[in-house]
N, C-alpha and C. Protein backbone atom coordinates (compact mmCIF):
# COMPACT_ATOMS: atom_id res chain seq x y z
N MET A 1 -12.98 12.12 -3.08
CA MET A 1 -11.86 11.33 -3.54
C MET A 1 -12.15 10.85 -4.95
N GLN A 2 -11.15 10.92 -5.77
CA GLN A 2 -11.29 10.49 -7.15
C GLN A 2 -10.91 9.02 -7.26
N ALA A 3 -11.68 8.23 -8.03
CA ALA A 3 -11.40 6.81 -8.22
C ALA A 3 -11.81 6.40 -9.61
N LEU A 4 -11.14 5.38 -10.11
CA LEU A 4 -11.44 4.81 -11.41
C LEU A 4 -11.93 3.39 -11.16
N VAL A 5 -13.12 3.06 -11.67
CA VAL A 5 -13.69 1.73 -11.50
C VAL A 5 -13.91 1.13 -12.88
N LYS A 6 -13.43 -0.10 -13.06
CA LYS A 6 -13.56 -0.74 -14.36
C LYS A 6 -13.80 -2.23 -14.17
N ILE A 7 -14.65 -2.80 -15.03
CA ILE A 7 -14.89 -4.25 -15.06
C ILE A 7 -13.93 -4.84 -16.09
N MET A 8 -13.17 -5.86 -15.67
CA MET A 8 -12.15 -6.45 -16.55
C MET A 8 -12.18 -7.97 -16.45
N GLU A 9 -11.65 -8.61 -17.47
CA GLU A 9 -11.46 -10.06 -17.45
C GLU A 9 -10.26 -10.36 -16.55
N ALA A 10 -10.38 -11.35 -15.69
CA ALA A 10 -9.32 -11.68 -14.74
C ALA A 10 -8.00 -11.99 -15.43
N GLU A 11 -8.05 -12.62 -16.61
CA GLU A 11 -6.83 -12.99 -17.33
C GLU A 11 -5.95 -11.78 -17.63
N LYS A 12 -6.56 -10.63 -17.86
CA LYS A 12 -5.79 -9.42 -18.18
C LYS A 12 -5.01 -8.92 -16.96
N LEU A 13 -5.43 -9.36 -15.78
CA LEU A 13 -4.77 -8.90 -14.55
C LEU A 13 -3.66 -9.84 -14.08
N PHE A 14 -3.54 -11.04 -14.67
CA PHE A 14 -2.52 -12.01 -14.27
C PHE A 14 -1.11 -11.44 -14.26
N PRO A 15 -0.72 -10.63 -15.27
CA PRO A 15 0.66 -10.12 -15.25
C PRO A 15 0.93 -9.15 -14.08
N ILE A 16 -0.11 -8.59 -13.52
CA ILE A 16 0.06 -7.58 -12.48
C ILE A 16 -0.23 -8.14 -11.08
N PHE A 17 -1.29 -8.97 -10.98
CA PHE A 17 -1.74 -9.48 -9.69
C PHE A 17 -1.72 -11.00 -9.66
N ASP A 18 -1.53 -11.53 -8.45
CA ASP A 18 -1.68 -12.97 -8.24
C ASP A 18 -3.16 -13.18 -7.90
N ILE A 19 -3.93 -13.57 -8.90
CA ILE A 19 -5.38 -13.71 -8.76
C ILE A 19 -5.71 -15.04 -8.08
N PRO A 20 -6.52 -15.06 -7.01
CA PRO A 20 -6.92 -16.31 -6.37
C PRO A 20 -7.69 -17.19 -7.37
N VAL A 21 -7.57 -18.51 -7.20
CA VAL A 21 -8.18 -19.47 -8.12
C VAL A 21 -9.69 -19.23 -8.25
N ALA A 22 -10.35 -18.94 -7.16
CA ALA A 22 -11.81 -18.74 -7.19
C ALA A 22 -12.22 -17.54 -8.03
N MET A 23 -11.29 -16.63 -8.27
CA MET A 23 -11.61 -15.42 -9.02
C MET A 23 -11.13 -15.48 -10.47
N ARG A 24 -10.44 -16.55 -10.84
CA ARG A 24 -9.93 -16.66 -12.22
C ARG A 24 -11.07 -17.00 -13.16
N ASN A 25 -10.87 -16.69 -14.43
CA ASN A 25 -11.86 -16.95 -15.48
C ASN A 25 -13.20 -16.27 -15.19
N ARG A 26 -13.12 -15.10 -14.62
CA ARG A 26 -14.33 -14.32 -14.32
C ARG A 26 -14.07 -12.87 -14.66
N ARG A 27 -15.15 -12.13 -14.66
CA ARG A 27 -15.03 -10.67 -14.81
C ARG A 27 -14.89 -10.11 -13.39
N LEU A 28 -13.97 -9.18 -13.22
CA LEU A 28 -13.70 -8.60 -11.92
C LEU A 28 -13.87 -7.09 -11.97
N GLU A 29 -14.27 -6.54 -10.86
CA GLU A 29 -14.35 -5.09 -10.74
C GLU A 29 -13.05 -4.60 -10.13
N VAL A 30 -12.40 -3.68 -10.80
CA VAL A 30 -11.13 -3.15 -10.34
C VAL A 30 -11.34 -1.68 -10.00
N THR A 31 -10.88 -1.30 -8.82
CA THR A 31 -10.98 0.09 -8.39
C THR A 31 -9.57 0.63 -8.18
N ILE A 32 -9.30 1.77 -8.78
CA ILE A 32 -7.99 2.41 -8.65
C ILE A 32 -8.22 3.80 -8.09
N ARG A 33 -7.48 4.11 -7.02
CA ARG A 33 -7.58 5.43 -6.43
C ARG A 33 -6.22 5.80 -5.84
N PRO A 34 -5.93 7.06 -5.72
CA PRO A 34 -4.65 7.48 -5.15
C PRO A 34 -4.51 7.01 -3.70
N ALA A 35 -3.40 6.39 -3.38
CA ALA A 35 -3.17 5.86 -2.03
C ALA A 35 -2.96 6.97 -1.01
N ASP A 36 -2.36 8.07 -1.42
CA ASP A 36 -2.05 9.13 -0.47
C ASP A 36 -3.27 9.90 -0.02
N GLU A 37 -4.38 9.86 -0.78
CA GLU A 37 -5.59 10.59 -0.37
C GLU A 37 -6.18 10.02 0.90
N GLU A 38 -6.13 8.69 1.06
CA GLU A 38 -6.67 8.07 2.27
C GLU A 38 -5.88 8.54 3.48
N LYS A 39 -4.56 8.58 3.35
CA LYS A 39 -3.72 9.05 4.44
C LYS A 39 -4.01 10.51 4.73
N GLN A 40 -4.19 11.28 3.69
CA GLN A 40 -4.48 12.70 3.85
C GLN A 40 -5.82 12.89 4.55
N THR A 41 -6.83 12.10 4.16
CA THR A 41 -8.15 12.17 4.79
C THR A 41 -8.05 11.79 6.26
N ALA A 42 -7.31 10.72 6.55
CA ALA A 42 -7.15 10.30 7.94
C ALA A 42 -6.44 11.38 8.74
N ALA A 43 -5.41 11.98 8.17
CA ALA A 43 -4.69 13.04 8.85
C ALA A 43 -5.59 14.24 9.08
N THR A 44 -6.42 14.56 8.10
CA THR A 44 -7.36 15.67 8.24
C THR A 44 -8.34 15.38 9.37
N THR A 45 -8.85 14.16 9.44
CA THR A 45 -9.80 13.78 10.48
C THR A 45 -9.14 13.87 11.85
N ILE A 46 -7.93 13.37 11.96
CA ILE A 46 -7.21 13.43 13.23
C ILE A 46 -6.97 14.88 13.62
N ASP A 47 -6.63 15.71 12.66
CA ASP A 47 -6.41 17.13 12.93
C ASP A 47 -7.70 17.80 13.40
N LYS A 48 -8.82 17.44 12.77
CA LYS A 48 -10.11 18.01 13.19
C LYS A 48 -10.45 17.61 14.61
N ILE A 49 -10.19 16.36 14.95
CA ILE A 49 -10.46 15.88 16.32
C ILE A 49 -9.58 16.62 17.31
N ARG A 50 -8.29 16.79 16.97
CA ARG A 50 -7.36 17.49 17.86
C ARG A 50 -7.82 18.93 18.08
N LYS A 51 -8.21 19.61 17.01
CA LYS A 51 -8.67 20.99 17.13
C LYS A 51 -9.95 21.07 17.96
N PHE A 52 -10.86 20.10 17.77
CA PHE A 52 -12.10 20.08 18.55
C PHE A 52 -11.77 19.94 20.03
N ARG A 53 -10.86 19.01 20.34
CA ARG A 53 -10.49 18.79 21.75
C ARG A 53 -9.82 20.00 22.36
N GLU A 54 -9.01 20.69 21.56
CA GLU A 54 -8.35 21.90 22.06
C GLU A 54 -9.37 22.99 22.36
N LYS A 55 -10.39 23.08 21.52
CA LYS A 55 -11.40 24.13 21.68
C LYS A 55 -12.39 23.79 22.78
N HIS A 56 -12.78 22.53 22.89
CA HIS A 56 -13.85 22.12 23.81
C HIS A 56 -13.27 21.39 25.01
N THR A 57 -12.50 22.10 25.80
CA THR A 57 -11.91 21.52 27.00
C THR A 57 -12.90 21.62 28.16
N HIS A 58 -12.56 20.94 29.23
CA HIS A 58 -13.40 21.03 30.43
C HIS A 58 -13.42 22.47 30.95
N GLU A 59 -12.28 23.13 30.87
CA GLU A 59 -12.20 24.52 31.32
C GLU A 59 -13.12 25.42 30.50
N ALA A 60 -13.17 25.18 29.19
CA ALA A 60 -14.06 25.97 28.33
C ALA A 60 -15.52 25.69 28.68
N PHE A 61 -15.83 24.43 29.01
CA PHE A 61 -17.18 24.05 29.40
C PHE A 61 -17.57 24.77 30.69
N VAL A 62 -16.65 24.81 31.66
CA VAL A 62 -16.91 25.48 32.93
C VAL A 62 -17.16 26.97 32.69
N GLU A 63 -16.33 27.60 31.86
CA GLU A 63 -16.51 29.02 31.56
C GLU A 63 -17.86 29.28 30.89
N HIS A 64 -18.25 28.37 29.99
CA HIS A 64 -19.54 28.49 29.32
C HIS A 64 -20.68 28.40 30.34
N LEU A 65 -20.58 27.45 31.25
CA LEU A 65 -21.62 27.31 32.28
C LEU A 65 -21.70 28.56 33.15
N LYS A 66 -20.55 29.11 33.54
CA LYS A 66 -20.54 30.33 34.36
C LYS A 66 -21.26 31.47 33.64
N LYS A 67 -20.95 31.62 32.37
CA LYS A 67 -21.55 32.69 31.57
C LYS A 67 -23.07 32.51 31.49
N LYS A 68 -23.50 31.28 31.21
CA LYS A 68 -24.94 31.02 31.06
C LYS A 68 -25.67 31.20 32.39
N LEU A 69 -25.05 30.76 33.48
CA LEU A 69 -25.68 30.95 34.80
C LEU A 69 -25.81 32.44 35.11
N ALA A 70 -24.79 33.22 34.76
CA ALA A 70 -24.84 34.67 34.99
C ALA A 70 -25.95 35.32 34.16
N GLU A 71 -26.25 34.72 33.00
CA GLU A 71 -27.33 35.23 32.14
C GLU A 71 -28.71 34.77 32.62
N GLY A 72 -28.73 33.89 33.64
CA GLY A 72 -29.99 33.42 34.19
C GLY A 72 -30.53 32.14 33.56
N VAL A 73 -29.71 31.46 32.78
CA VAL A 73 -30.14 30.20 32.16
C VAL A 73 -30.26 29.13 33.23
N LYS A 74 -31.33 28.33 33.15
CA LYS A 74 -31.56 27.23 34.08
C LYS A 74 -31.22 25.92 33.38
N PHE A 75 -30.54 25.04 34.09
CA PHE A 75 -30.17 23.73 33.55
C PHE A 75 -30.93 22.63 34.26
N ASP A 76 -31.04 21.46 33.59
CA ASP A 76 -31.70 20.30 34.19
C ASP A 76 -30.74 19.53 35.10
N PHE A 77 -29.53 20.01 35.23
CA PHE A 77 -28.53 19.38 36.10
C PHE A 77 -27.89 20.47 36.95
N ASP A 78 -27.15 20.06 37.95
CA ASP A 78 -26.54 21.03 38.87
C ASP A 78 -25.23 21.55 38.26
N ALA A 79 -25.32 22.64 37.53
CA ALA A 79 -24.16 23.23 36.86
C ALA A 79 -23.12 23.71 37.87
N GLN A 80 -23.57 24.12 39.04
CA GLN A 80 -22.63 24.64 40.04
C GLN A 80 -21.67 23.56 40.50
N LYS A 81 -22.12 22.31 40.55
CA LYS A 81 -21.23 21.21 40.94
C LYS A 81 -20.10 21.04 39.92
N ILE A 82 -20.42 21.25 38.66
CA ILE A 82 -19.39 21.15 37.62
C ILE A 82 -18.39 22.28 37.79
N ILE A 83 -18.90 23.47 38.03
CA ILE A 83 -18.04 24.64 38.20
C ILE A 83 -17.14 24.46 39.43
N ASP A 84 -17.72 23.96 40.53
CA ASP A 84 -16.97 23.78 41.78
C ASP A 84 -16.06 22.56 41.75
N GLY A 85 -16.29 21.66 40.79
CA GLY A 85 -15.49 20.43 40.73
C GLY A 85 -15.95 19.38 41.72
N THR A 86 -17.21 19.47 42.15
CA THR A 86 -17.74 18.52 43.14
C THR A 86 -18.72 17.53 42.53
N GLU A 87 -18.82 17.50 41.22
CA GLU A 87 -19.74 16.59 40.55
C GLU A 87 -19.27 15.15 40.76
N THR A 88 -20.18 14.29 41.23
CA THR A 88 -19.84 12.89 41.48
C THR A 88 -20.05 12.07 40.20
N GLU A 89 -19.59 10.85 40.21
CA GLU A 89 -19.79 9.96 39.06
C GLU A 89 -21.29 9.75 38.81
N GLU A 90 -22.05 9.66 39.88
CA GLU A 90 -23.51 9.51 39.74
C GLU A 90 -24.11 10.75 39.08
N ASP A 91 -23.63 11.93 39.46
CA ASP A 91 -24.10 13.18 38.84
C ASP A 91 -23.76 13.20 37.35
N ILE A 92 -22.55 12.76 37.02
CA ILE A 92 -22.12 12.73 35.62
C ILE A 92 -23.01 11.81 34.80
N GLN A 93 -23.32 10.64 35.35
CA GLN A 93 -24.18 9.68 34.65
C GLN A 93 -25.59 10.25 34.45
N GLU A 94 -26.09 10.91 35.46
CA GLU A 94 -27.43 11.52 35.36
C GLU A 94 -27.44 12.62 34.32
N ARG A 95 -26.39 13.46 34.32
CA ARG A 95 -26.28 14.53 33.32
C ARG A 95 -26.20 13.94 31.92
N TYR A 96 -25.45 12.85 31.76
CA TYR A 96 -25.34 12.19 30.46
C TYR A 96 -26.71 11.70 29.98
N LYS A 97 -27.49 11.11 30.87
CA LYS A 97 -28.83 10.63 30.50
C LYS A 97 -29.72 11.80 30.06
N ILE A 98 -29.63 12.91 30.76
CA ILE A 98 -30.41 14.09 30.40
C ILE A 98 -29.99 14.59 29.01
N MET A 99 -28.68 14.69 28.79
CA MET A 99 -28.17 15.17 27.51
C MET A 99 -28.53 14.21 26.38
N LYS A 100 -28.44 12.93 26.64
CA LYS A 100 -28.78 11.92 25.63
C LYS A 100 -30.24 12.07 25.22
N GLY A 101 -31.11 12.30 26.19
CA GLY A 101 -32.53 12.52 25.89
C GLY A 101 -32.73 13.78 25.07
N ALA A 102 -31.96 14.82 25.38
CA ALA A 102 -32.07 16.08 24.63
C ALA A 102 -31.63 15.89 23.19
N TRP A 103 -30.58 15.09 22.98
CA TRP A 103 -30.11 14.83 21.61
C TRP A 103 -31.19 14.11 20.81
N ALA A 104 -31.85 13.15 21.44
CA ALA A 104 -32.91 12.41 20.76
C ALA A 104 -34.07 13.34 20.41
N GLU A 105 -34.44 14.21 21.33
CA GLU A 105 -35.52 15.17 21.07
C GLU A 105 -35.15 16.11 19.93
N ALA A 106 -33.91 16.56 19.91
CA ALA A 106 -33.45 17.46 18.85
C ALA A 106 -33.49 16.75 17.49
N ALA A 107 -33.13 15.47 17.47
CA ALA A 107 -33.17 14.71 16.22
C ALA A 107 -34.59 14.56 15.72
N VAL A 108 -35.53 14.30 16.63
CA VAL A 108 -36.94 14.17 16.25
C VAL A 108 -37.46 15.50 15.70
N GLU A 109 -37.12 16.60 16.36
CA GLU A 109 -37.56 17.92 15.89
C GLU A 109 -37.00 18.22 14.50
N LYS A 110 -35.72 17.91 14.30
CA LYS A 110 -35.10 18.14 13.00
C LYS A 110 -35.78 17.30 11.92
N PHE A 111 -36.09 16.05 12.25
CA PHE A 111 -36.77 15.16 11.31
C PHE A 111 -38.14 15.72 10.94
N LYS A 112 -38.88 16.19 11.93
CA LYS A 112 -40.22 16.74 11.68
C LYS A 112 -40.15 17.98 10.80
N ARG A 113 -39.13 18.81 10.99
CA ARG A 113 -38.96 20.02 10.16
C ARG A 113 -38.65 19.66 8.71
N ASN A 114 -37.99 18.55 8.50
CA ASN A 114 -37.58 18.15 7.15
C ASN A 114 -38.60 17.28 6.43
N GLU A 115 -39.72 16.98 7.07
CA GLU A 115 -40.76 16.14 6.43
C GLU A 115 -41.45 16.88 5.31
């Protein structure tokens, strides 16, 4: 995003802005940027989230698990329960803990590679 930042005397801004008393007779930092870019960025982010959700549905996850199980991949959780739709809330919580631990391990490995 493009922005213009300038330090100005508050008195020069009186004709344009209602400057609070505490900020008068001081130097102020003024930032000017296009207003529509923020909306565009937000819209882009929302669009990215929507596309991610469309691509990574529960059905896509189940298909991925089926494929990996057929390839002989072993999981630390009961993938068959997810495929069958019999996974309990307790199973989901346990799977989340396992995945959370894996994310932390992956972050540590990435950090060590970048040292």
